[in-house]
PDB file of N, CA and C in Angstrom:
ATOM      1  N   SER A   1       0.846  -1.206   0.000  1.00  0.00           N
ATOM      2  CA  SER A   1       0.000   0.000   0.000  1.00  0.00           C
ATOM      3  C   SER A   1       0.874   1.245   0.000  1.00  0.00           C
ATOM      4  N   PHE A   2       0.272   2.385  -0.272  1.00  0.00           N
ATOM      5  CA  PHE A   2       1.037   3.625  -0.315  1.00  0.00           C
ATOM      6  C   PHE A   2       1.621   3.950   1.047  1.00  0.00           C
ATOM      7  N   THR A   3       0.865   3.702   2.108  1.00  0.00           N
ATOM      8  CA  THR A   3       1.349   4.022   3.454  1.00  0.00           C
ATOM      9  C   THR A   3       2.602   3.216   3.771  1.00  0.00           C
ATOM     10  N   GLU A   4       2.588   1.937   3.434  1.00  0.00           N
ATOM     11  CA  GLU A   4       3.763   1.099   3.692  1.00  0.00           C
ATOM     12  C   GLU A   4       4.964   1.630   2.928  1.00  0.00           C
ATOM     13  N   TYR A   5       4.761   1.993   1.667  1.00  0.00           N
ATOM     14  CA  TYR A   5       5.862   2.512   0.862  1.00  0.00           C
ATOM     15  C   TYR A   5       6.400   3.803   1.469  1.00  0.00           C
ATOM     16  N   TYR A   6       5.486   4.661   1.914  1.00  0.00           N
ATOM     17  CA  TYR A   6       5.895   5.944   2.494  1.00  0.00           C
ATOM     18  C   TYR A   6       6.695   5.729   3.768  1.00  0.00           C
ATOM     19  N   VAL A   7       6.224   4.828   4.618  1.00  0.00           N
ATOM     20  CA  VAL A   7       6.925   4.565   5.880  1.00  0.00           C
ATOM     21  C   VAL A   7       8.308   3.994   5.606  1.00  0.00           C
ATOM     22  N   ILE A   8       8.392   3.059   4.683  1.00  0.00           N
ATOM     23  CA  ILE A   8       9.689   2.459   4.355  1.00  0.00           C
ATOM     24  C   ILE A   8      10.622   3.525   3.783  1.00  0.00           C
ATOM     25  N   HIS A   9      10.082   4.380   2.920  1.00  0.00           N
ATOM     26  CA  HIS A   9      10.913   5.424   2.314  1.00  0.00           C
ATOM     27  C   HIS A   9      11.441   6.369   3.388  1.00  0.00           C
ATOM     28  N   MET A  10      10.577   6.806   4.294  1.00  0.00           N
ATOM     29  CA  MET A  10      10.999   7.725   5.347  1.00  0.00           C
ATOM     30  C   MET A  10      11.995   7.036   6.274  1.00  0.00           C
ATOM     31  N   TYR A  11      11.778   5.743   6.544  1.00  0.00           N
ATOM     32  CA  TYR A  11      12.685   5.013   7.417  1.00  0.00           C
ATOM     33  C   TYR A  11      14.070   4.921   6.782  1.00  0.00           C
ATOM     34  N   ASN A  12      14.107   4.659   5.472  1.00  0.00           N
ATOM     35  CA  ASN A  12      15.405   4.590   4.781  1.00  0.00           C
ATOM     36  C   ASN A  12      16.091   5.946   4.807  1.00  0.00           C
ATOM     37  N   GLU A  13      15.325   7.016   4.604  1.00  0.00           N
ATOM     38  CA  GLU A  13      15.917   8.359   4.655  1.00  0.00           C
ATOM     39  C   GLU A  13      16.489   8.608   6.042  1.00  0.00           C
ATOM     40  N   TYR A  14      15.748   8.204   7.079  1.00  0.00           N
ATOM     41  CA  TYR A  14      16.221   8.397   8.454  1.00  0.00           C
ATOM     42  C   TYR A  14      17.498   7.622   8.692  1.00  0.00           C
ATOM     43  N   LYS A  15      17.546   6.382   8.191  1.00  0.00           N
ATOM     44  CA  LYS A  15      18.753   5.574   8.365  1.00  0.00           C
ATOM     45  C   LYS A  15      19.931   6.228   7.659  1.00  0.00           C
ATOM     46  N   ASN A  16      19.703   6.748   6.448  1.00  0.00           N
ATOM     47  CA  ASN A  16      20.790   7.389   5.705  1.00  0.00           C
ATOM     48  C   ASN A  16      21.322   8.588   6.473  1.00  0.00           C
ATOM     49  N   VAL A  17      20.423   9.382   7.039  1.00  0.00           N
ATOM     50  CA  VAL A  17      20.861  10.563   7.789  1.00  0.00           C
ATOM     51  C   VAL A  17      21.584  10.131   9.061  1.00  0.00           C
ATOM     52  N   ALA A  18      21.078   9.084   9.706  1.00  0.00           N
ATOM     53  CA  ALA A  18      21.693   8.631  10.952  1.00  0.00           C
ATOM     54  C   ALA A  18      23.077   8.034  10.678  1.00  0.00           C
ATOM     55  N   LYS A  19      23.212   7.355   9.556  1.00  0.00           N
ATOM     56  CA  LYS A  19      24.505   6.744   9.239  1.00  0.00           C
ATOM     57  C   LYS A  19      25.528   7.796   8.827  1.00  0.00           C
ATOM     58  N   LYS A  20      25.059   8.836   8.106  1.00  0.00           N
ATOM     59  CA  LYS A  20      25.981   9.845   7.592  1.00  0.00           C
ATOM     60  C   LYS A  20      25.560  11.231   8.068  1.00  0.00           C
ATOM     61  N   PRO A  21      25.826  11.568   9.314  1.00  0.00           N
ATOM     62  CA  PRO A  21      25.421  12.881   9.822  1.00  0.00           C
ATOM     63  C   PRO A  21      26.145  14.025   9.113  1.00  0.00           C
ATOM     64  N   ASN A  22      27.310  13.745   8.552  1.00  0.00           N
ATOM     65  CA  ASN A  22      28.052  14.798   7.861  1.00  0.00           C
ATOM     66  C   ASN A  22      27.354  15.203   6.565  1.00  0.00           C
ATOM     67  N   LYS A  23      26.384  14.424   6.129  1.00  0.00           N
ATOM     68  CA  LYS A  23      25.653  14.761   4.905  1.00  0.00           C
ATOM     69  C   LYS A  23      24.575  15.813   5.188  1.00  0.00           C
ATOM     70  N   LYS A  24      24.198  15.961   6.451  1.00  0.00           N
ATOM     71  CA  LYS A  24      23.112  16.890   6.774  1.00  0.00           C
ATOM     72  C   LYS A  24      23.424  18.339   6.373  1.00  0.00           C
ATOM     73  N   PRO A  25      24.596  18.875   6.712  1.00  0.00           N
ATOM     74  CA  PRO A  25      24.894  20.258   6.323  1.00  0.00           C
ATOM     75  C   PRO A  25      24.855  20.471   4.810  1.00  0.00           C
ATOM     76  N   ASN A  26      25.208  19.442   4.054  1.00  0.00           N
ATOM     77  CA  ASN A  26      25.210  19.572   2.597  1.00  0.00           C
ATOM     78  C   ASN A  26      23.813  19.827   2.056  1.00  0.00           C
ATOM     79  N   LYS A  27      22.792  19.351   2.782  1.00  0.00           N
ATOM     80  CA  LYS A  27      21.413  19.564   2.319  1.00  0.00           C
ATOM     81  C   LYS A  27      21.088  21.058   2.343  1.00  0.00           C
ATOM     82  N   ASN A  28      21.711  21.799   3.255  1.00  0.00           N
ATOM     83  CA  ASN A  28      21.428  23.230   3.353  1.00  0.00           C
ATOM     84  C   ASN A  28      22.175  24.024   2.293  1.00  0.00           C
ATOM     85  N   THR A  29      23.238  23.440   1.744  1.00  0.00           N
ATOM     86  CA  THR A  29      23.991  24.156   0.718  1.00  0.00           C
ATOM     87  C   THR A  29      23.281  24.026  -0.624  1.00  0.00           C
ATOM     88  N   PRO A  30      23.098  25.118  -1.339  1.00  0.00           N
ATOM     89  CA  PRO A  30      22.418  25.079  -2.639  1.00  0.00           C
ATOM     90  C   PRO A  30      23.265  24.402  -3.701  1.00  0.00           C
ATOM     91  N   GLN A  31      22.938  23.163  -4.004  1.00  0.00           N
ATOM     92  CA  GLN A  31      23.654  22.427  -5.038  1.00  0.00           C
ATOM     93  C   GLN A  31      22.789  22.369  -6.300  1.00  0.00           C
ATOM     94  N   PRO A  32      23.419  22.263  -7.480  1.00  0.00           N
ATOM     95  CA  PRO A  32      22.661  22.217  -8.740  1.00  0.00           C
ATOM     96  C   PRO A  32      21.576  21.136  -8.719  1.00  0.00           C
ATOM     97  N   ASN A  33      21.939  19.928  -8.214  1.00  0.00           N
ATOM     98  CA  ASN A  33      20.963  18.840  -8.182  1.00  0.00           C
ATOM     99  C   ASN A  33      19.799  19.183  -7.270  1.00  0.00           C
ATOM    100  N   GLU A  34      20.116  19.751  -6.107  1.00  0.00           N
ATOM    101  CA  GLU A  34      19.054  20.080  -5.157  1.00  0.00           C
ATOM    102  C   GLU A  34      18.122  21.131  -5.754  1.00  0.00           C
ATOM    103  N   ARG A  35      18.716  22.133  -6.429  1.00  0.00           N
ATOM    104  CA  ARG A  35      17.891  23.217  -6.960  1.00  0.00           C
ATOM    105  C   ARG A  35      17.000  22.707  -8.095  1.00  0.00           C
ATOM    106  N   ASN A  36      17.572  21.846  -8.954  1.00  0.00           N
ATOM    107  CA  ASN A  36      16.769  21.317 -10.053  1.00  0.00           C
ATOM    108  C   ASN A  36      15.656  20.420  -9.536  1.00  0.00           C
ATOM    109  N   HIS A  37      15.893  19.801  -8.392  1.00  0.00           N
ATOM    110  CA  HIS A  37      14.888  18.919  -7.806  1.00  0.00           C
ATOM    111  C   HIS A  37      13.792  19.722  -7.125  1.00  0.00           C
ATOM    112  N   GLY A  38      14.025  21.012  -6.914  1.00  0.00           N
ATOM    113  CA  GLY A  38      13.018  21.844  -6.264  1.00  0.00           C
ATOM    114  C   GLY A  38      13.032  21.713  -4.765  1.00  0.00           C
ATOM    115  N   THR A  39      14.128  21.204  -4.209  1.00  0.00           N
ATOM    116  CA  THR A  39      14.201  21.033  -2.757  1.00  0.00           C
ATOM    117  C   THR A  39      14.672  22.337  -2.127  1.00  0.00           C
TER     118      THR A  39
END
């Protein structure tokens, strides 16, 4: 179901952030990929 997919997706995102905390500051930096993605 959509809810299951959403929960799994958010859980994977959380795991990625928890595993690589140094990636968090990069999200705040305006990168070409981020801007094109509309984030």
